[in-house]
PDB file of N, CA and C in Angstrom:
ATOM      1  N   MET A   1       0.848  -1.165   0.000  1.00  0.00           N
ATOM      2  CA  MET A   1       0.000   0.000   0.000  1.00  0.00           C
ATOM      3  C   MET A   1       0.900   1.236   0.000  1.00  0.00           C
ATOM      4  N   THR A   2       0.580   2.175  -0.860  1.00  0.00           N
ATOM      5  CA  THR A   2       1.384   3.392  -0.925  1.00  0.00           C
ATOM      6  C   THR A   2       0.934   4.391   0.135  1.00  0.00           C
ATOM      7  N   GLN A   3       1.777   5.378   0.382  1.00  0.00           N
ATOM      8  CA  GLN A   3       1.409   6.446   1.313  1.00  0.00           C
ATOM      9  C   GLN A   3       0.149   7.151   0.825  1.00  0.00           C
ATOM     10  N   LYS A   4       0.054   7.353  -0.470  1.00  0.00           N
ATOM     11  CA  LYS A   4      -1.101   8.040  -1.036  1.00  0.00           C
ATOM     12  C   LYS A   4      -2.383   7.238  -0.802  1.00  0.00           C
ATOM     13  N   GLN A   5      -2.322   5.931  -1.036  1.00  0.00           N
ATOM     14  CA  GLN A   5      -3.494   5.085  -0.828  1.00  0.00           C
ATOM     15  C   GLN A   5      -3.912   5.078   0.637  1.00  0.00           C
ATOM     16  N   LEU A   6      -2.943   4.953   1.529  1.00  0.00           N
ATOM     17  CA  LEU A   6      -3.228   4.944   2.954  1.00  0.00           C
ATOM     18  C   LEU A   6      -3.816   6.285   3.393  1.00  0.00           C
ATOM     19  N   ALA A   7      -3.241   7.353   2.906  1.00  0.00           N
ATOM     20  CA  ALA A   7      -3.732   8.687   3.245  1.00  0.00           C
ATOM     21  C   ALA A   7      -5.173   8.876   2.779  1.00  0.00           C
ATOM     22  N   MET A   8      -5.470   8.426   1.584  1.00  0.00           N
ATOM     23  CA  MET A   8      -6.824   8.564   1.051  1.00  0.00           C
ATOM     24  C   MET A   8      -7.823   7.799   1.914  1.00  0.00           C
ATOM     25  N   GLU A   9      -7.466   6.599   2.344  1.00  0.00           N
ATOM     26  CA  GLU A   9      -8.367   5.797   3.171  1.00  0.00           C
ATOM     27  C   GLU A   9      -8.575   6.419   4.547  1.00  0.00           C
ATOM     28  N   CYS A  10      -7.556   7.126   5.030  1.00  0.00           N
ATOM     29  CA  CYS A  10      -7.643   7.762   6.352  1.00  0.00           C
ATOM     30  C   CYS A  10      -8.226   9.166   6.287  1.00  0.00           C
ATOM     31  N   GLY A  11      -8.270   9.738   5.100  1.00  0.00           N
ATOM     32  CA  GLY A  11      -8.789  11.095   4.961  1.00  0.00           C
ATOM     33  C   GLY A  11      -7.789  12.167   5.350  1.00  0.00           C
ATOM     34  N   VAL A  12      -6.509  11.878   5.126  1.00  0.00           N
ATOM     35  CA  VAL A  12      -5.454  12.851   5.424  1.00  0.00           C
ATOM     36  C   VAL A  12      -4.578  13.028   4.183  1.00  0.00           C
ATOM     37  N   ALA A  13      -3.661  13.979   4.257  1.00  0.00           N
ATOM     38  CA  ALA A  13      -2.723  14.215   3.156  1.00  0.00           C
ATOM     39  C   ALA A  13      -1.616  13.167   3.189  1.00  0.00           C
ATOM     40  N   ARG A  14      -1.055  12.881   2.028  1.00  0.00           N
ATOM     41  CA  ARG A  14       0.057  11.929   1.948  1.00  0.00           C
ATOM     42  C   ARG A  14       1.214  12.383   2.824  1.00  0.00           C
ATOM     43  N   GLN A  15       1.428  13.692   2.902  1.00  0.00           N
ATOM     44  CA  GLN A  15       2.515  14.237   3.713  1.00  0.00           C
ATOM     45  C   GLN A  15       2.340  13.888   5.196  1.00  0.00           C
ATOM     46  N   THR A  16       1.096  13.777   5.639  1.00  0.00           N
ATOM     47  CA  THR A  16       0.824  13.399   7.032  1.00  0.00           C
ATOM     48  C   THR A  16       1.349  11.998   7.297  1.00  0.00           C
ATOM     49  N   ILE A  17       1.082  11.083   6.385  1.00  0.00           N
ATOM     50  CA  ILE A  17       1.561   9.706   6.532  1.00  0.00           C
ATOM     51  C   ILE A  17       3.084   9.692   6.536  1.00  0.00           C
ATOM     52  N   ASN A  18       3.688  10.458   5.662  1.00  0.00           N
ATOM     53  CA  ASN A  18       5.143  10.547   5.590  1.00  0.00           C
ATOM     54  C   ASN A  18       5.722  11.061   6.907  1.00  0.00           C
ATOM     55  N   CYS A  19       5.124  12.086   7.468  1.00  0.00           N
ATOM     56  CA  CYS A  19       5.608  12.648   8.732  1.00  0.00           C
ATOM     57  C   CYS A  19       5.461  11.666   9.883  1.00  0.00           C
ATOM     58  N   ILE A  20       4.379  10.905   9.896  1.00  0.00           N
ATOM     59  CA  ILE A  20       4.196   9.883  10.934  1.00  0.00           C
ATOM     60  C   ILE A  20       5.290   8.830  10.812  1.00  0.00           C
ATOM     61  N   GLU A  21       5.561   8.389   9.587  1.00  0.00           N
ATOM     62  CA  GLU A  21       6.592   7.366   9.367  1.00  0.00           C
ATOM     63  C   GLU A  21       7.971   7.849   9.786  1.00  0.00           C
ATOM     64  N   ASN A  22       8.215   9.147   9.676  1.00  0.00           N
ATOM     65  CA  ASN A  22       9.532   9.709   9.987  1.00  0.00           C
ATOM     66  C   ASN A  22       9.596  10.349  11.372  1.00  0.00           C
ATOM     67  N   ASP A  23       8.632  10.016  12.233  1.00  0.00           N
ATOM     68  CA  ASP A  23       8.593  10.517  13.616  1.00  0.00           C
ATOM     69  C   ASP A  23       8.626  12.042  13.711  1.00  0.00           C
ATOM     70  N   LYS A  24       7.983  12.701  12.752  1.00  0.00           N
ATOM     71  CA  LYS A  24       7.903  14.159  12.778  1.00  0.00           C
ATOM     72  C   LYS A  24       6.502  14.631  13.152  1.00  0.00           C
ATOM     73  N   TYR A  25       5.578  13.681  13.344  1.00  0.00           N
ATOM     74  CA  TYR A  25       4.194  14.019  13.674  1.00  0.00           C
ATOM     75  C   TYR A  25       3.580  12.877  14.460  1.00  0.00           C
ATOM     76  N   ASP A  26       2.938  13.226  15.568  1.00  0.00           N
ATOM     77  CA  ASP A  26       2.193  12.238  16.346  1.00  0.00           C
ATOM     78  C   ASP A  26       0.732  12.342  15.947  1.00  0.00           C
ATOM     79  N   PRO A  27       0.164  11.262  15.453  1.00  0.00           N
ATOM     80  CA  PRO A  27      -1.227  11.316  14.991  1.00  0.00           C
ATOM     81  C   PRO A  27      -2.204  11.482  16.144  1.00  0.00           C
ATOM     82  N   THR A  28      -3.375  11.981  15.815  1.00  0.00           N
ATOM     83  CA  THR A  28      -4.443  12.041  16.808  1.00  0.00           C
ATOM     84  C   THR A  28      -4.837  10.620  17.156  1.00  0.00           C
ATOM     85  N   LEU A  29      -5.537  10.475  18.248  1.00  0.00           N
ATOM     86  CA  LEU A  29      -5.999   9.149  18.649  1.00  0.00           C
ATOM     87  C   LEU A  29      -6.918   8.562  17.585  1.00  0.00           C
ATOM     88  N   GLU A  30      -7.773   9.404  17.023  1.00  0.00           N
ATOM     89  CA  GLU A  30      -8.684   8.948  15.968  1.00  0.00           C
ATOM     90  C   GLU A  30      -7.912   8.425  14.762  1.00  0.00           C
ATOM     91  N   LEU A  31      -6.892   9.164  14.337  1.00  0.00           N
ATOM     92  CA  LEU A  31      -6.099   8.741  13.181  1.00  0.00           C
ATOM     93  C   LEU A  31      -5.313   7.475  13.503  1.00  0.00           C
ATOM     94  N   ALA A  32      -4.795   7.365  14.706  1.00  0.00           N
ATOM     95  CA  ALA A  32      -4.059   6.160  15.100  1.00  0.00           C
ATOM     96  C   ALA A  32      -4.954   4.929  15.000  1.00  0.00           C
ATOM     97  N   PHE A  33      -6.201   5.061  15.449  1.00  0.00           N
ATOM     98  CA  PHE A  33      -7.128   3.926  15.362  1.00  0.00           C
ATOM     99  C   PHE A  33      -7.518   3.624  13.911  1.00  0.00           C
ATOM    100  N   LYS A  34      -7.670   4.662  13.086  1.00  0.00           N
ATOM    101  CA  LYS A  34      -7.967   4.431  11.664  1.00  0.00           C
ATOM    102  C   LYS A  34      -6.821   3.663  11.009  1.00  0.00           C
ATOM    103  N   LEU A  35      -5.597   4.102  11.285  1.00  0.00           N
ATOM    104  CA  LEU A  35      -4.430   3.446  10.706  1.00  0.00           C
ATOM    105  C   LEU A  35      -4.347   1.979  11.142  1.00  0.00           C
ATOM    106  N   SER A  36      -4.566   1.733  12.419  1.00  0.00           N
ATOM    107  CA  SER A  36      -4.480   0.350  12.896  1.00  0.00           C
ATOM    108  C   SER A  36      -5.562  -0.525  12.284  1.00  0.00           C
ATOM    109  N   LYS A  37      -6.740   0.033  12.100  1.00  0.00           N
ATOM    110  CA  LYS A  37      -7.829  -0.741  11.484  1.00  0.00           C
ATOM    111  C   LYS A  37      -7.518  -1.052  10.019  1.00  0.00           C
ATOM    112  N   ILE A  38      -7.066  -0.054   9.287  1.00  0.00           N
ATOM    113  CA  ILE A  38      -6.755  -0.235   7.870  1.00  0.00           C
ATOM    114  C   ILE A  38      -5.594  -1.213   7.679  1.00  0.00           C
ATOM    115  N   LEU A  39      -4.577  -1.091   8.534  1.00  0.00           N
ATOM    116  CA  LEU A  39      -3.396  -1.945   8.413  1.00  0.00           C
ATOM    117  C   LEU A  39      -3.555  -3.292   9.127  1.00  0.00           C
ATOM    118  N   LYS A  40      -4.692  -3.447   9.843  1.00  0.00           N
ATOM    119  CA  LYS A  40      -5.020  -4.701  10.520  1.00  0.00           C
ATOM    120  C   LYS A  40      -3.966  -5.113  11.548  1.00  0.00           C
ATOM    121  N   VAL A  41      -3.571  -4.122  12.353  1.00  0.00           N
ATOM    122  CA  VAL A  41      -2.665  -4.357  13.473  1.00  0.00           C
ATOM    123  C   VAL A  41      -3.192  -3.605  14.686  1.00  0.00           C
ATOM    124  N   LYS A  42      -2.757  -4.027  15.872  1.00  0.00           N
ATOM    125  CA  LYS A  42      -3.158  -3.322  17.077  1.00  0.00           C
ATOM    126  C   LYS A  42      -2.430  -1.983  17.159  1.00  0.00           C
ATOM    127  N   VAL A  43      -3.089  -1.005  17.744  1.00  0.00           N
ATOM    128  CA  VAL A  43      -2.471   0.315  17.905  1.00  0.00           C
ATOM    129  C   VAL A  43      -1.157   0.181  18.662  1.00  0.00           C
ATOM    130  N   ASP A  44      -1.133  -0.684  19.677  1.00  0.00           N
ATOM    131  CA  ASP A  44       0.084  -0.890  20.468  1.00  0.00           C
ATOM    132  C   ASP A  44       1.239  -1.412  19.623  1.00  0.00           C
ATOM    133  N   ASP A  45       0.935  -2.174  18.586  1.00  0.00           N
ATOM    134  CA  ASP A  45       1.980  -2.695  17.711  1.00  0.00           C
ATOM    135  C   ASP A  45       2.419  -1.657  16.672  1.00  0.00           C
ATOM    136  N   LEU A  46       1.530  -0.737  16.369  1.00  0.00           N
ATOM    137  CA  LEU A  46       1.819   0.281  15.360  1.00  0.00           C
ATOM    138  C   LEU A  46       2.611   1.452  15.925  1.00  0.00           C
ATOM    139  N   PHE A  47       2.276   1.819  17.176  1.00  0.00           N
ATOM    140  CA  PHE A  47       2.938   2.956  17.833  1.00  0.00           C
ATOM    141  C   PHE A  47       3.495   2.527  19.179  1.00  0.00           C
ATOM    142  N   ILE A  48       4.745   2.876  19.414  1.00  0.00           N
ATOM    143  CA  ILE A  48       5.399   2.556  20.684  1.00  0.00           C
ATOM    144  C   ILE A  48       5.615   3.841  21.438  1.00  0.00           C
ATOM    145  N   TYR A  49       5.079   3.905  22.660  1.00  0.00           N
ATOM    146  CA  TYR A  49       5.238   5.082  23.485  1.00  0.00           C
ATOM    147  C   TYR A  49       6.527   4.964  24.282  1.00  0.00           C
ATOM    148  N   GLU A  50       7.373   5.980  24.152  1.00  0.00           N
ATOM    149  CA  GLU A  50       8.645   5.975  24.882  1.00  0.00           C
ATOM    150  C   GLU A  50       8.728   7.149  25.812  1.00  0.00           C
TER     151      GLU A  50
END
């Protein structure tokens, strides 16, 4: 899945997905849950709180 495809499914800009991947942006709780649902992983596995 491309960043563009993921962004479209989440309703955000592709740049948002890029920033999340590069640890330059922390998603909202709503977006974190959307991402985990789309990617079929638990939020805890997708994001690690340090």
